[in-house]
Amino acid sequence: MAVDRSQAGAGRGGATVLVVASEGTFETVEGLLLSDGIAALRVRTLAELRTLLRVYADRSVAMLDVEDSVLGVAALEALHQPPAVPTLMLMGVDGFKQFGAGYFSPERRDELAFKPLNDDEVVLRVKALLVRAGFALPEGEPNAPPSAPSRAVPGGRSLLVFGAKGGVGKTTLAVNLAVTLARKYGKRVVLIDGDLWFGDVAVLMNLSSARSISDLPDDLDSEMLTKALVRHGSGVLVLLPPPEAGMVEKIPEDRLAKVVEQAKSIVDYVVVDTHTSFGEANLQLLEEADTIVLVSTPELSAVRNASRVLTVAHALGLDHKIRLVINRANSGLEIGALEKSLKFPVAATVVSAGRVVVPAANDGVPMVDRDPEAGQQVTRDVLNVSSVVTGLAPPEPRPRPRGGFFSWSKRGE
């Protein structure tokens, strides 16, 4: 069972684990926590930590290698500012003698662990810290060893994000929908870039990896799929398109549908960003999808194409799966007129906000990461879309801090 962050708080539900670590450390631990249904956020810089503490201080615990040369004691001091975050402090015996004794405080419900520890030991210590801090663990055996990320999770759902035409904001919505499900709901999420020729998911998430769908064989299983996925800082697992155009033609048309089916067995949600076409691969995806998020904008050309998509979907018996989302809804045709033209209801709208969306795209930072407290209307609209297309309760609103809209540094692995 995945952690619902809206229930976070001592004695009231799960907490978010802040994995405070510079690049290259604790990736496996983070993955094991997520696979066990424990929400985890990777924090790479001190500035990022301070930003997150504005939101998560009262509903989180942290783990930190105090001897980390990048973060270390400075991060520990930030975690101990009121309201102090219970922290698992990892250090060597010499490090404890040097400075650890002055920072370790059982009264703050801190935990101390001496290195070296293996990943499973660290995960168990984090779970102990959660219990000690008064937070609930996910349902199941609380002291069981963490499972591999490829553990089967029955009931995963697929969300296919389909654009009425190019340029309607389909990929931006797919990326932010996936990150919202991971960040705000604590769900395990796979995001598949199904636009094998021109996909931009890696750009919008600042990801770079040689791993891609090209690594998957015809008889793939969950372990093979897990190895091909790239982890984003939000916890979203991303399957990238081939790194070279010449590889695309070698991928069978049924590969994407098989990948979605396999991915549904290991996570809660599979979000698929697709190329706008009715090729065989996309028709298979449309038929297999649990929900089709049809994205359009309110100008005539996009509405005309949306009408064509709805006509094809009706002919295939798929229109009951469609949730129509209108992007840049505060410009162009009025929603009522658009619904009348399409003879189809609009499920949700997203305002036009180029001054927010464009810098986020250029920085490779999803909007919901750049604006974690939903101070911008466009972010609130995206959160509403996530609720509408999944049926989950809207994420709990959080007050916007003083100082206005702020940005994060680039993220991604």
Protein backbone atom coordinates (compact mmCIF):
# COMPACT_ATOMS: atom_id res chain seq x y z
CA MET A 1 0.00 0.00 0.00
CA ALA A 2 1.45 3.37 -0.98
CA VAL A 3 1.68 6.17 1.51
CA ASP A 4 -0.96 8.91 1.25
CA ARG A 5 0.84 12.08 2.20
CA SER A 6 -2.40 13.87 2.94
CA GLN A 7 -2.57 11.69 6.06
CA ALA A 8 0.94 12.49 7.23
CA GLY A 9 1.48 13.46 10.83
CA ALA A 10 2.40 11.79 14.10
CA GLY A 11 -0.05 9.07 14.96
CA ARG A 12 -2.22 9.87 11.89
CA GLY A 13 -0.56 8.14 8.95
CA GLY A 14 2.65 7.87 6.97
CA ALA A 15 5.50 10.33 6.77
CA THR A 16 7.79 11.37 3.97
CA VAL A 17 11.43 10.31 4.32
CA LEU A 18 13.84 13.04 3.27
CA VAL A 19 16.84 11.23 1.81
CA VAL A 20 19.45 13.94 2.27
CA ALA A 21 22.38 12.92 0.11
CA SER A 22 24.61 14.26 -2.63
CA GLU A 23 24.76 12.52 -6.01
CA GLY A 24 25.61 8.85 -6.12
CA THR A 25 24.64 7.84 -2.59
CA PHE A 26 21.59 6.11 -1.12
CA GLU A 27 19.90 5.53 -4.52
CA THR A 28 19.21 1.90 -3.65
CA VAL A 29 17.88 2.82 -0.21
CA GLU A 30 15.54 5.38 -1.77
CA GLY A 31 14.26 2.77 -4.23
CA LEU A 32 13.70 0.19 -1.50
CA LEU A 33 11.71 2.67 0.58
CA LEU A 34 9.52 3.57 -2.39
CA SER A 35 8.99 -0.08 -3.28
CA ASP A 36 7.78 -0.72 0.29
CA GLY A 37 5.19 2.05 -0.02
CA ILE A 38 7.12 4.63 1.99
CA ALA A 39 7.19 8.08 0.40
CA ALA A 40 10.75 9.29 -0.13
CA LEU A 41 12.19 12.53 -1.46
CA ARG A 42 15.82 12.88 -2.46
CA VAL A 43 17.41 16.16 -1.36
CA ARG A 44 20.71 17.08 -2.97
CA THR A 45 21.44 20.62 -1.79
CA LEU A 46 21.09 22.65 1.36
CA ALA A 47 18.86 25.18 -0.41
CA GLU A 48 16.58 22.40 -1.57
CA LEU A 49 16.39 21.02 1.97
CA ARG A 50 15.39 24.36 3.42
CA THR A 51 12.67 24.72 0.79
CA LEU A 52 11.25 21.28 1.52
CA LEU A 53 11.29 21.84 5.27
CA ARG A 54 8.77 24.65 4.80
CA VAL A 55 6.31 22.02 3.64
CA TYR A 56 7.38 18.73 5.22
CA ALA A 57 8.94 19.63 8.59
CA ASP A 58 5.92 18.46 10.58
CA ARG A 59 5.33 15.30 8.54
CA SER A 60 8.74 13.88 7.76
CA VAL A 61 11.80 12.11 9.04
CA ALA A 62 15.24 12.34 7.49
CA MET A 63 18.31 10.22 6.90
CA LEU A 64 21.72 11.80 6.51
CA ASP A 65 25.34 10.76 6.32
CA VAL A 66 26.74 13.38 8.68
CA GLU A 67 30.17 12.95 7.10
CA ASP A 68 28.85 13.82 3.61
CA SER A 69 31.34 16.39 2.32
CA VAL A 70 28.63 18.32 0.44
CA LEU A 71 25.84 18.46 3.01
CA GLY A 72 26.90 16.95 6.31
CA VAL A 73 26.66 19.04 9.48
CA ALA A 74 25.08 22.04 7.74
CA ALA A 75 22.13 19.88 6.67
CA LEU A 76 21.87 18.41 10.16
CA GLU A 77 21.68 21.90 11.65
CA ALA A 78 18.85 22.76 9.25
CA LEU A 79 16.98 19.58 10.20
CA HIS A 80 17.30 20.46 13.86
CA GLN A 81 15.78 23.93 13.51
CA PRO A 82 12.32 24.03 15.17
CA PRO A 83 10.21 22.10 14.45
CA ALA A 84 13.06 19.58 14.47
CA VAL A 85 12.84 16.65 12.04
CA PRO A 86 13.70 13.25 13.58
CA THR A 87 16.86 12.18 11.79
CA LEU A 88 18.75 8.95 11.22
CA MET A 89 22.36 10.08 11.53
CA LEU A 90 24.89 7.80 9.83
CA MET A 91 28.57 8.22 10.66
CA GLY A 92 31.72 6.37 11.53
CA VAL A 93 32.98 5.99 15.08
CA ASP A 94 35.71 8.57 14.49
CA GLY A 95 33.18 11.01 13.09
CA PHE A 96 31.00 10.59 16.14
CA LYS A 97 33.94 11.35 18.39
CA GLN A 98 34.81 14.41 16.32
CA PHE A 99 31.42 16.14 16.15
CA GLY A 100 28.54 13.66 16.35
CA ALA A 101 28.10 13.64 20.11
CA GLY A 102 27.29 17.33 20.12
CA TYR A 103 24.47 16.93 17.59
CA PHE A 104 22.87 13.61 18.53
CA SER A 105 19.76 14.16 20.63
CA PRO A 106 17.44 11.31 21.70
CA GLU A 107 15.00 13.99 22.88
CA ARG A 108 14.50 14.97 19.24
CA ARG A 109 13.80 11.28 18.50
CA ASP A 110 17.00 11.04 16.45
CA GLU A 111 18.52 7.67 15.63
CA LEU A 112 22.26 6.98 15.38
CA ALA A 113 23.76 4.31 13.14
CA PHE A 114 27.45 3.60 12.74
CA LYS A 115 28.84 2.84 9.30
CA PRO A 116 29.32 0.60 7.46
CA LEU A 117 25.73 -0.61 6.98
CA ASN A 118 24.20 -2.42 4.03
CA ASP A 119 21.14 -1.03 2.28
CA ASP A 120 18.67 -3.35 3.99
CA GLU A 121 20.01 -2.33 7.40
CA VAL A 122 19.59 1.35 6.57
CA VAL A 123 15.99 0.77 5.44
CA LEU A 124 15.17 -1.06 8.66
CA ARG A 125 16.69 1.75 10.71
CA VAL A 126 14.58 4.27 8.79
CA LYS A 127 11.47 2.23 9.54
CA ALA A 128 12.42 2.15 13.22
CA LEU A 129 12.81 5.92 13.14
CA LEU A 130 9.35 6.30 11.60
CA VAL A 131 7.78 4.19 14.32
CA ARG A 132 9.68 6.01 17.06
CA ALA A 133 8.54 9.36 15.67
CA GLY A 134 4.91 8.23 15.84
CA PHE A 135 4.23 7.68 12.14
CA ALA A 136 2.45 4.66 10.73
CA LEU A 137 4.21 2.20 8.43
CA PRO A 138 2.42 0.91 5.33
CA GLU A 139 0.27 -2.15 5.87
CA GLY A 140 2.18 -5.41 6.00
CA GLU A 141 4.91 -6.93 8.13
CA PRO A 142 6.63 -3.88 9.72
CA ASN A 143 9.96 -5.59 10.28
CA ALA A 144 10.11 -7.57 7.09
CA PRO A 145 13.21 -7.08 4.92
CA PRO A 146 12.62 -4.57 2.13
CA SER A 147 11.60 -6.06 -1.17
CA ALA A 148 13.22 -5.45 -4.51
CA PRO A 149 11.78 -2.64 -6.61
CA SER A 150 10.40 -5.22 -9.03
CA ARG A 151 7.98 -6.65 -6.46
CA ALA A 152 4.55 -7.25 -8.02
CA VAL A 153 1.79 -4.85 -7.00
CA PRO A 154 -1.65 -5.99 -8.21
CA GLY A 155 -4.08 -3.44 -9.53
CA GLY A 156 -1.74 -0.96 -11.20
CA ARG A 157 -3.53 1.46 -13.54
CA SER A 158 -2.39 2.97 -16.82
CA LEU A 159 -3.03 6.60 -17.78
CA LEU A 160 -2.48 7.29 -21.47
CA VAL A 161 -1.86 10.98 -22.23
CA PHE A 162 -2.86 11.65 -25.84
CA GLY A 163 -2.67 14.99 -27.64
CA ALA A 164 -5.28 16.28 -30.05
CA LYS A 165 -2.36 17.77 -31.99
CA GLY A 166 1.27 18.66 -31.44
CA GLY A 167 2.05 21.57 -29.15
CA VAL A 168 -0.97 21.30 -26.84
CA GLY A 169 1.14 20.62 -23.73
CA LYS A 170 0.67 16.85 -23.68
CA THR A 171 4.19 15.97 -22.49
CA THR A 172 4.23 18.72 -19.88
CA LEU A 173 0.98 17.39 -18.44
CA ALA A 174 2.19 13.76 -18.54
CA VAL A 175 5.40 14.61 -16.68
CA ASN A 176 3.65 16.69 -14.02
CA LEU A 177 0.89 14.12 -13.61
CA ALA A 178 3.48 11.41 -12.94
CA VAL A 179 5.45 13.57 -10.51
CA THR A 180 2.25 14.61 -8.71
CA LEU A 181 1.24 10.99 -8.17
CA ALA A 182 4.67 10.28 -6.69
CA ARG A 183 5.17 13.51 -4.69
CA LYS A 184 1.68 14.31 -3.46
CA TYR A 185 0.13 10.85 -3.18
CA GLY A 186 3.18 8.71 -2.44
CA LYS A 187 2.34 6.37 -5.33
CA ARG A 188 4.79 4.19 -7.18
CA VAL A 189 4.85 5.47 -10.73
CA VAL A 190 6.40 4.50 -14.05
CA LEU A 191 6.42 7.18 -16.76
CA ILE A 192 6.89 5.86 -20.30
CA ASP A 193 7.96 8.16 -23.10
CA GLY A 194 6.00 6.50 -25.89
CA ASP A 195 6.96 9.08 -28.49
CA LEU A 196 9.89 6.97 -29.66
CA TRP A 197 11.02 9.38 -32.40
CA PHE A 198 10.62 12.81 -30.82
CA GLY A 199 9.96 12.29 -27.10
CA ASP A 200 10.82 15.17 -24.75
CA VAL A 201 10.27 13.59 -21.34
CA ALA A 202 14.02 13.43 -20.66
CA VAL A 203 14.37 17.14 -21.44
CA LEU A 204 11.50 18.19 -19.18
CA MET A 205 12.87 16.07 -16.31
CA ASN A 206 16.56 16.80 -16.86
CA LEU A 207 17.38 13.12 -17.31
CA SER A 208 20.30 11.62 -19.17
CA SER A 209 20.87 7.89 -19.46
CA ALA A 210 21.88 5.26 -21.96
CA ARG A 211 19.11 2.98 -20.62
CA SER A 212 15.98 2.94 -22.78
CA ILE A 213 13.20 0.83 -24.24
CA SER A 214 15.79 -0.51 -26.71
CA ASP A 215 17.26 -2.59 -23.88
CA LEU A 216 14.09 -4.65 -23.50
CA PRO A 217 13.72 -8.07 -25.18
CA ASP A 218 10.50 -9.52 -26.57
CA ASP A 219 10.08 -11.83 -23.58
CA LEU A 220 10.63 -9.10 -20.99
CA ASP A 221 9.84 -9.61 -17.33
CA SER A 222 9.59 -7.21 -14.39
CA GLU A 223 13.28 -7.58 -13.48
CA MET A 224 14.39 -6.69 -17.02
CA LEU A 225 12.00 -3.73 -17.07
CA THR A 226 13.24 -2.44 -13.72
CA LYS A 227 16.84 -2.46 -14.96
CA ALA A 228 15.87 -0.33 -17.98
CA LEU A 229 14.13 2.35 -15.91
CA VAL A 230 15.78 5.61 -14.91
CA ARG A 231 14.91 7.09 -11.52
CA HIS A 232 13.97 10.76 -11.32
CA GLY A 233 14.49 12.68 -8.09
CA SER A 234 10.73 12.58 -7.42
CA GLY A 235 10.83 8.79 -7.29
CA VAL A 236 9.17 8.42 -10.70
CA LEU A 237 10.73 5.61 -12.74
CA VAL A 238 11.12 6.66 -16.37
CA LEU A 239 11.44 4.55 -19.50
CA LEU A 240 13.16 6.64 -22.15
CA PRO A 241 12.95 6.29 -25.94
CA PRO A 242 15.94 4.99 -27.92
CA PRO A 243 18.97 7.29 -27.77
CA GLU A 244 19.45 6.99 -31.55
CA ALA A 245 16.78 7.35 -34.23
CA GLY A 246 18.06 4.30 -36.07
CA MET A 247 17.01 2.08 -33.17
CA VAL A 248 13.33 3.01 -33.35
CA GLU A 249 12.50 0.96 -36.44
CA LYS A 250 13.85 -2.16 -34.72
CA ILE A 251 11.25 -1.92 -31.92
CA PRO A 252 8.18 -4.12 -32.59
CA GLU A 253 4.83 -2.33 -32.72
CA ASP A 254 3.49 -4.31 -29.76
CA ARG A 255 6.48 -3.51 -27.53
CA LEU A 256 4.93 -0.47 -25.82
CA ALA A 257 1.71 -2.30 -24.95
CA LYS A 258 3.71 -5.19 -23.48
CA VAL A 259 5.80 -2.76 -21.45
CA VAL A 260 2.69 -1.08 -20.05
CA GLU A 261 1.21 -4.43 -19.08
CA GLN A 262 4.42 -5.45 -17.30
CA ALA A 263 4.83 -2.06 -15.62
CA LYS A 264 1.31 -2.27 -14.18
CA SER A 265 2.41 -5.36 -12.27
CA ILE A 266 5.15 -3.53 -10.36
CA VAL A 267 3.77 -0.05 -9.63
CA ASP A 268 0.53 1.74 -8.76
CA TYR A 269 0.33 3.94 -11.86
CA VAL A 270 1.80 3.82 -15.35
CA VAL A 271 1.68 7.17 -17.16
CA VAL A 272 2.30 6.95 -20.91
CA ASP A 273 3.15 9.99 -23.01
CA THR A 274 2.31 9.14 -26.60
CA HIS A 275 2.97 10.39 -30.11
CA THR A 276 -0.12 11.98 -31.66
CA SER A 277 -1.12 9.39 -34.27
CA PHE A 278 -3.34 6.37 -34.82
CA GLY A 279 -0.57 3.98 -35.73
CA GLU A 280 -0.80 0.35 -34.67
CA ALA A 281 1.33 0.88 -31.55
CA ASN A 282 -0.90 3.74 -30.32
CA LEU A 283 -4.12 1.85 -31.10
CA GLN A 284 -2.89 -0.98 -28.88
CA LEU A 285 -2.07 1.52 -26.13
CA LEU A 286 -5.50 3.15 -26.43
CA GLU A 287 -7.24 -0.21 -26.13
CA GLU A 288 -5.15 -1.31 -23.15
CA ALA A 289 -5.32 1.99 -21.23
CA ASP A 290 -7.46 2.24 -18.11
CA THR A 291 -7.89 5.99 -18.64
CA ILE A 292 -7.18 8.11 -21.70
CA VAL A 293 -6.29 11.73 -20.92
CA LEU A 294 -7.07 13.62 -24.11
CA VAL A 295 -5.31 17.00 -24.09
CA SER A 296 -6.47 19.85 -26.28
CA THR A 297 -6.30 23.62 -26.36
CA PRO A 298 -9.28 25.89 -27.07
CA GLU A 299 -8.32 27.01 -30.58
CA LEU A 300 -10.16 25.78 -33.66
CA SER A 301 -7.43 23.53 -35.12
CA ALA A 302 -6.93 21.64 -31.86
CA VAL A 303 -10.69 21.33 -31.26
CA ARG A 304 -11.15 19.96 -34.78
CA ASN A 305 -8.48 17.33 -34.14
CA ALA A 306 -9.98 16.52 -30.72
CA SER A 307 -13.29 15.88 -32.50
CA ARG A 308 -11.54 13.41 -34.82
CA VAL A 309 -9.95 11.63 -31.86
CA LEU A 310 -13.32 11.36 -30.13
CA THR A 311 -14.90 9.99 -33.31
CA VAL A 312 -12.26 7.27 -33.60
CA ALA A 313 -12.52 6.49 -29.88
CA HIS A 314 -16.29 6.11 -30.18
CA ALA A 315 -15.90 3.78 -33.15
CA LEU A 316 -13.50 1.65 -31.11
CA GLY A 317 -15.76 1.70 -28.06
CA LEU A 318 -13.19 3.64 -26.02
CA ASP A 319 -14.95 6.96 -25.39
CA HIS A 320 -15.96 5.91 -21.86
CA LYS A 321 -12.25 5.90 -20.95
CA ILE A 322 -11.59 9.46 -22.09
CA ARG A 323 -11.11 12.42 -19.77
CA LEU A 324 -10.89 15.61 -21.83
CA VAL A 325 -8.46 18.18 -20.44
CA ILE A 326 -8.28 21.65 -21.94
CA ASN A 327 -4.88 23.32 -21.59
CA ARG A 328 -4.45 27.12 -21.82
CA ALA A 329 -8.16 27.26 -21.06
CA ASN A 330 -8.23 30.99 -20.29
CA SER A 331 -7.69 31.87 -23.96
CA GLY A 332 -9.58 30.98 -27.12
CA LEU A 333 -13.00 29.31 -27.20
CA GLU A 334 -15.13 29.33 -24.06
CA ILE A 335 -15.47 25.95 -22.40
CA GLY A 336 -19.24 25.83 -22.85
CA ALA A 337 -18.97 26.48 -26.57
CA LEU A 338 -16.18 23.92 -26.87
CA GLU A 339 -18.25 21.24 -25.11
CA LYS A 340 -21.21 22.02 -27.36
CA SER A 341 -19.03 21.70 -30.44
CA LEU A 342 -17.44 18.42 -29.35
CA LYS A 343 -20.59 17.01 -27.74
CA PHE A 344 -18.28 15.79 -25.00
CA PRO A 345 -17.74 17.08 -21.42
CA VAL A 346 -14.55 18.78 -20.32
CA ALA A 347 -13.19 16.96 -17.28
CA ALA A 348 -10.63 19.58 -16.20
CA THR A 349 -8.90 22.73 -17.36
CA VAL A 350 -5.40 24.17 -16.99
CA VAL A 351 -4.73 27.90 -17.32
CA SER A 352 -2.15 29.37 -19.66
CA ALA A 353 0.97 30.28 -17.69
CA GLY A 354 3.95 30.65 -19.99
CA ARG A 355 6.01 32.59 -17.42
CA VAL A 356 5.88 29.51 -15.18
CA VAL A 357 5.79 26.65 -17.67
CA VAL A 358 8.54 27.80 -20.05
CA PRO A 359 11.26 28.40 -17.39
CA ALA A 360 10.38 25.09 -15.75
CA ALA A 361 10.76 23.30 -19.09
CA ASN A 362 14.04 25.06 -19.84
CA ASP A 363 15.43 24.11 -16.43
CA GLY A 364 14.23 20.51 -16.65
CA VAL A 365 12.18 20.91 -13.46
CA PRO A 366 8.53 19.76 -13.39
CA MET A 367 6.17 22.56 -12.34
CA VAL A 368 4.94 20.66 -9.30
CA ASP A 369 8.55 20.44 -8.11
CA ARG A 370 9.27 24.07 -8.90
CA ASP A 371 6.12 25.17 -7.04
CA PRO A 372 5.69 22.50 -4.33
CA GLU A 373 3.18 24.54 -2.31
CA ALA A 374 0.97 25.22 -5.35
CA GLY A 375 1.27 28.98 -5.14
CA GLN A 376 0.54 29.25 -8.87
CA GLN A 377 -2.87 28.62 -10.42
CA VAL A 378 -1.34 26.43 -13.14
CA THR A 379 0.10 24.13 -10.46
CA ARG A 380 -3.24 23.92 -8.67
CA ASP A 381 -4.88 23.07 -11.97
CA VAL A 382 -2.41 20.24 -12.58
CA LEU A 383 -3.12 18.88 -9.09
CA ASN A 384 -6.82 18.98 -9.91
CA VAL A 385 -6.21 17.09 -13.15
CA SER A 386 -4.42 14.36 -11.18
CA SER A 387 -7.45 14.01 -8.93
CA VAL A 388 -9.96 14.02 -11.80
CA VAL A 389 -8.22 11.40 -13.95
CA THR A 390 -7.43 9.03 -11.07
CA GLY A 391 -10.44 9.48 -8.79
CA LEU A 392 -8.12 10.15 -5.85
CA ALA A 393 -8.98 12.88 -3.36
CA PRO A 394 -7.34 16.23 -4.18
CA PRO A 395 -3.93 16.69 -2.53
CA GLU A 396 -4.10 18.57 0.76
CA PRO A 397 -3.41 22.28 0.12
CA ARG A 398 -0.43 23.84 1.85
CA PRO A 399 0.00 27.55 2.66
CA ARG A 400 2.35 29.51 0.44
CA PRO A 401 5.37 30.83 2.36
CA ARG A 402 6.42 34.45 2.39
CA GLY A 403 8.87 35.40 -0.32
CA GLY A 404 6.68 34.50 -3.31
CA PHE A 405 7.37 32.04 -6.05
CA PHE A 406 10.73 30.33 -5.87
CA SER A 407 12.59 27.90 -8.09
CA TRP A 408 14.63 24.80 -7.47
CA SER A 409 17.87 23.83 -9.02
CA LYS A 410 17.90 21.23 -11.77
CA ARG A 411 17.11 17.71 -10.71
CA GLY A 412 17.24 14.24 -12.13
CA GLU A 413 19.40 11.19 -12.35
